[in-house]
Structure formats: structure tokens, C-alpha cells
Amino acid sequence: MIICLGYLIIFFKFMLQIKYFLLNGQCYYTKQNLTLLDIVTYFNYNNSLLVLELNQSVYNKNKWHQTFIKNQDKVEIVSIVGGG
């Protein structure tokens, strides 16, 4: 019984380290400490043509590298497209 309880404690510690966030309505899980810039880079967005919103607030590009994703954050990335 003690061994099972030990595994249960380890499992809960592991689960506490995992955070999830929504990106454009899709759920992602991570154990990493990710910044907004990390997400933009990972998903290969052209960061010169983006508007990025975190929890319904627009974030300036100068803050992307220092703004870390927290559990249950909602990130929206909108690409600007020109046309004529």
C-alpha cells in the first residue's frame, strides 16, 4: 500500500508540473516554461505580420520574449494578410 501511495504522490507531482493552454481554440499541454515568442517560433509564424492576444489583452512584440505562458492561458494569434 505504501508503494502505491508513493507512485500516486509522484503522479500528482508530475501532473502539477504540466500546464495547458489554448492556442487559437486548440488545447496544448507542456511541462516547459514557454514564452509567447517560443510559441510563435515553434509554430513558425511570421512574427512581423502578427497580432498576439493573451487572455483577451493584446501584447506588444517587445514583451513576447519575457511573457511566460501560465496554466489555462488563452492565446490568440491573428495573421495580417494584405490584398487588393
N, C-alpha and C. Protein backbone atom coordinates (compact mmCIF):
# COMPACT_ATOMS: atom_id res chain seq x y z
N MET A 1 0.82 -1.20 0.00
CA MET A 1 0.00 0.00 0.00
C MET A 1 0.87 1.26 0.00
N ILE A 2 1.96 1.26 0.72
CA ILE A 2 2.83 2.43 0.77
C ILE A 2 3.45 2.67 -0.61
N ILE A 3 3.82 1.61 -1.30
CA ILE A 3 4.40 1.76 -2.63
C ILE A 3 3.39 2.41 -3.57
N CYS A 4 2.14 1.94 -3.54
CA CYS A 4 1.10 2.53 -4.39
C CYS A 4 0.90 4.00 -4.05
N LEU A 5 0.90 4.33 -2.78
CA LEU A 5 0.74 5.71 -2.37
C LEU A 5 1.91 6.55 -2.86
N GLY A 6 3.11 5.99 -2.83
CA GLY A 6 4.29 6.69 -3.32
C GLY A 6 4.18 7.00 -4.80
N TYR A 7 3.70 6.02 -5.58
CA TYR A 7 3.51 6.25 -7.01
C TYR A 7 2.43 7.30 -7.26
N LEU A 8 1.40 7.27 -6.43
CA LEU A 8 0.33 8.24 -6.57
C LEU A 8 0.84 9.66 -6.31
N ILE A 9 1.67 9.81 -5.30
CA ILE A 9 2.26 11.12 -4.99
C ILE A 9 3.14 11.59 -6.14
N ILE A 10 3.96 10.70 -6.68
CA ILE A 10 4.82 11.04 -7.82
C ILE A 10 3.97 11.45 -9.01
N PHE A 11 2.89 10.73 -9.26
CA PHE A 11 2.00 11.05 -10.37
C PHE A 11 1.41 12.45 -10.19
N PHE A 12 0.93 12.78 -9.00
CA PHE A 12 0.34 14.09 -8.77
C PHE A 12 1.37 15.21 -8.88
N LYS A 13 2.58 14.97 -8.43
CA LYS A 13 3.64 15.97 -8.59
C LYS A 13 3.91 16.21 -10.07
N PHE A 14 3.92 15.11 -10.85
CA PHE A 14 4.13 15.23 -12.30
C PHE A 14 3.00 16.03 -12.93
N MET A 15 1.76 15.73 -12.55
CA MET A 15 0.61 16.42 -13.13
C MET A 15 0.59 17.90 -12.76
N LEU A 16 1.09 18.25 -11.60
CA LEU A 16 1.13 19.66 -11.20
C LEU A 16 2.13 20.44 -12.05
N GLN A 17 3.13 19.77 -12.59
CA GLN A 17 4.12 20.43 -13.43
C GLN A 17 3.59 20.69 -14.84
N ILE A 18 2.59 19.94 -15.25
CA ILE A 18 2.05 20.10 -16.59
C ILE A 18 1.05 21.25 -16.59
N LYS A 19 1.17 22.10 -17.58
CA LYS A 19 0.19 23.17 -17.74
C LYS A 19 -0.41 23.07 -19.13
N TYR A 20 -1.63 23.52 -19.23
CA TYR A 20 -2.23 23.53 -20.56
C TYR A 20 -2.60 24.95 -20.92
N PHE A 21 -2.62 25.20 -22.21
CA PHE A 21 -3.03 26.50 -22.71
C PHE A 21 -3.80 26.29 -24.00
N LEU A 22 -4.62 27.26 -24.33
CA LEU A 22 -5.36 27.23 -25.58
C LEU A 22 -4.67 28.15 -26.57
N LEU A 23 -4.45 27.66 -27.77
CA LEU A 23 -3.89 28.46 -28.84
C LEU A 23 -4.88 28.42 -29.99
N ASN A 24 -5.47 29.57 -30.28
CA ASN A 24 -6.50 29.67 -31.33
C ASN A 24 -7.57 28.60 -31.15
N GLY A 25 -7.97 28.38 -29.89
CA GLY A 25 -9.06 27.45 -29.58
C GLY A 25 -8.66 26.00 -29.44
N GLN A 26 -7.40 25.66 -29.70
CA GLN A 26 -6.94 24.28 -29.59
C GLN A 26 -6.09 24.13 -28.33
N CYS A 27 -6.31 23.03 -27.62
CA CYS A 27 -5.63 22.80 -26.34
C CYS A 27 -4.26 22.16 -26.55
N TYR A 28 -3.26 22.68 -25.84
CA TYR A 28 -1.90 22.14 -25.85
C TYR A 28 -1.43 21.95 -24.42
N TYR A 29 -0.60 20.95 -24.21
CA TYR A 29 -0.03 20.65 -22.89
C TYR A 29 1.48 20.77 -22.96
N THR A 30 2.08 21.23 -21.86
CA THR A 30 3.54 21.36 -21.82
C THR A 30 4.05 21.29 -20.39
N LYS A 31 5.27 20.82 -20.25
CA LYS A 31 5.99 20.92 -18.99
C LYS A 31 7.02 22.04 -19.06
N GLN A 32 7.25 22.56 -20.25
CA GLN A 32 8.26 23.60 -20.47
C GLN A 32 7.74 24.96 -20.01
N ASN A 33 8.66 25.82 -19.66
CA ASN A 33 8.32 27.22 -19.43
C ASN A 33 8.44 27.93 -20.76
N LEU A 34 7.31 28.20 -21.38
CA LEU A 34 7.28 28.79 -22.70
C LEU A 34 6.93 30.27 -22.64
N THR A 35 7.60 31.04 -23.50
CA THR A 35 7.22 32.44 -23.66
C THR A 35 6.32 32.54 -24.90
N LEU A 36 5.72 33.71 -25.05
CA LEU A 36 4.92 33.94 -26.25
C LEU A 36 5.78 33.82 -27.50
N LEU A 37 7.01 34.32 -27.42
CA LEU A 37 7.93 34.21 -28.56
C LEU A 37 8.25 32.75 -28.88
N ASP A 38 8.39 31.91 -27.87
CA ASP A 38 8.63 30.48 -28.10
C ASP A 38 7.49 29.86 -28.90
N ILE A 39 6.26 30.23 -28.57
CA ILE A 39 5.10 29.68 -29.27
C ILE A 39 5.07 30.16 -30.71
N VAL A 40 5.31 31.44 -30.92
CA VAL A 40 5.32 32.00 -32.27
C VAL A 40 6.40 31.30 -33.11
N THR A 41 7.57 31.10 -32.53
CA THR A 41 8.68 30.46 -33.22
C THR A 41 8.37 28.98 -33.50
N TYR A 42 7.87 28.28 -32.49
CA TYR A 42 7.59 26.85 -32.64
C TYR A 42 6.58 26.58 -33.76
N PHE A 43 5.54 27.40 -33.83
CA PHE A 43 4.52 27.20 -34.84
C PHE A 43 4.83 27.91 -36.16
N ASN A 44 6.03 28.45 -36.26
CA ASN A 44 6.58 29.00 -37.50
C ASN A 44 5.73 30.15 -38.09
N TYR A 45 5.26 31.01 -37.19
CA TYR A 45 4.55 32.20 -37.65
C TYR A 45 5.55 33.25 -38.10
N ASN A 46 5.17 34.08 -39.06
CA ASN A 46 5.96 35.23 -39.45
C ASN A 46 5.63 36.35 -38.47
N ASN A 47 6.51 36.59 -37.50
CA ASN A 47 6.17 37.50 -36.40
C ASN A 47 6.08 38.96 -36.81
N SER A 48 6.42 39.30 -38.04
CA SER A 48 6.28 40.69 -38.46
C SER A 48 4.84 40.98 -38.91
N LEU A 49 4.05 39.93 -39.10
CA LEU A 49 2.68 40.12 -39.59
C LEU A 49 1.65 39.54 -38.61
N LEU A 50 1.89 39.72 -37.32
CA LEU A 50 1.02 39.11 -36.32
C LEU A 50 0.46 40.12 -35.34
N VAL A 51 -0.72 39.77 -34.84
CA VAL A 51 -1.26 40.39 -33.64
C VAL A 51 -1.45 39.25 -32.66
N LEU A 52 -0.92 39.39 -31.46
CA LEU A 52 -0.98 38.32 -30.48
C LEU A 52 -1.76 38.80 -29.27
N GLU A 53 -2.71 37.98 -28.87
CA GLU A 53 -3.57 38.29 -27.73
C GLU A 53 -3.40 37.20 -26.68
N LEU A 54 -3.20 37.61 -25.44
CA LEU A 54 -3.09 36.67 -24.32
C LEU A 54 -4.17 37.03 -23.31
N ASN A 55 -5.07 36.10 -23.08
CA ASN A 55 -6.17 36.30 -22.14
C ASN A 55 -6.92 37.61 -22.42
N GLN A 56 -7.23 37.82 -23.68
CA GLN A 56 -8.03 38.93 -24.17
C GLN A 56 -7.32 40.29 -24.08
N SER A 57 -6.00 40.28 -23.95
CA SER A 57 -5.21 41.52 -23.97
C SER A 57 -4.17 41.41 -25.09
N VAL A 58 -4.09 42.44 -25.92
CA VAL A 58 -3.10 42.45 -26.99
C VAL A 58 -1.73 42.72 -26.39
N TYR A 59 -0.73 41.92 -26.82
CA TYR A 59 0.63 42.06 -26.29
C TYR A 59 1.56 42.62 -27.33
N ASN A 60 2.33 43.60 -26.92
CA ASN A 60 3.34 44.23 -27.76
C ASN A 60 4.46 43.23 -28.02
N LYS A 61 5.00 43.24 -29.23
CA LYS A 61 6.09 42.32 -29.59
C LYS A 61 7.30 42.45 -28.68
N ASN A 62 7.52 43.63 -28.13
CA ASN A 62 8.67 43.84 -27.24
C ASN A 62 8.56 43.03 -25.95
N LYS A 63 7.36 42.54 -25.62
CA LYS A 63 7.16 41.78 -24.38
C LYS A 63 7.02 40.28 -24.61
N TRP A 64 7.00 39.85 -25.87
CA TRP A 64 6.80 38.43 -26.15
C TRP A 64 7.87 37.55 -25.53
N HIS A 65 9.11 37.99 -25.54
CA HIS A 65 10.22 37.16 -25.03
C HIS A 65 10.24 37.06 -23.51
N GLN A 66 9.52 37.93 -22.83
CA GLN A 66 9.55 37.91 -21.36
C GLN A 66 8.19 37.54 -20.74
N THR A 67 7.22 37.23 -21.58
CA THR A 67 5.90 36.86 -21.08
C THR A 67 5.74 35.35 -21.16
N PHE A 68 5.66 34.70 -20.00
CA PHE A 68 5.58 33.24 -19.92
C PHE A 68 4.12 32.78 -19.88
N ILE A 69 3.88 31.66 -20.52
CA ILE A 69 2.56 31.04 -20.52
C ILE A 69 2.32 30.41 -19.15
N LYS A 70 1.12 30.64 -18.63
CA LYS A 70 0.70 30.02 -17.37
C LYS A 70 -0.41 29.02 -17.65
N ASN A 71 -0.69 28.19 -16.67
CA ASN A 71 -1.75 27.20 -16.81
C ASN A 71 -3.07 27.88 -17.15
N GLN A 72 -3.76 27.35 -18.12
CA GLN A 72 -5.09 27.78 -18.56
C GLN A 72 -5.09 29.13 -19.28
N ASP A 73 -3.94 29.58 -19.77
CA ASP A 73 -3.89 30.81 -20.57
C ASP A 73 -4.57 30.58 -21.92
N LYS A 74 -5.10 31.67 -22.47
CA LYS A 74 -5.73 31.62 -23.79
C LYS A 74 -4.96 32.56 -24.71
N VAL A 75 -4.34 31.96 -25.73
CA VAL A 75 -3.53 32.71 -26.68
C VAL A 75 -4.26 32.71 -28.03
N GLU A 76 -4.37 33.87 -28.62
CA GLU A 76 -4.94 34.01 -29.96
C GLU A 76 -3.88 34.69 -30.82
N ILE A 77 -3.58 34.07 -31.96
CA ILE A 77 -2.63 34.66 -32.90
C ILE A 77 -3.37 34.91 -34.20
N VAL A 78 -3.33 36.15 -34.63
CA VAL A 78 -4.01 36.55 -35.85
C VAL A 78 -2.97 37.03 -36.85
N SER A 79 -2.93 36.42 -38.02
CA SER A 79 -2.01 36.84 -39.08
C SER A 79 -2.67 37.95 -39.89
N ILE A 80 -1.88 38.96 -40.20
CA ILE A 80 -2.36 40.06 -41.03
C ILE A 80 -2.08 39.71 -42.48
N VAL A 81 -3.12 39.77 -43.29
CA VAL A 81 -2.99 39.42 -44.70
C VAL A 81 -3.42 40.62 -45.53
N GLY A 82 -2.58 40.99 -46.48
CA GLY A 82 -2.92 42.09 -47.37
C GLY A 82 -3.56 41.56 -48.65
N GLY A 83 -4.23 42.42 -49.31
CA GLY A 83 -4.85 42.00 -50.55
C GLY A 83 -5.30 43.24 -51.34
N GLY A 84 -5.83 43.01 -52.46
CA GLY A 84 -6.25 44.16 -53.22
C GLY A 84 -7.22 43.86 -54.31
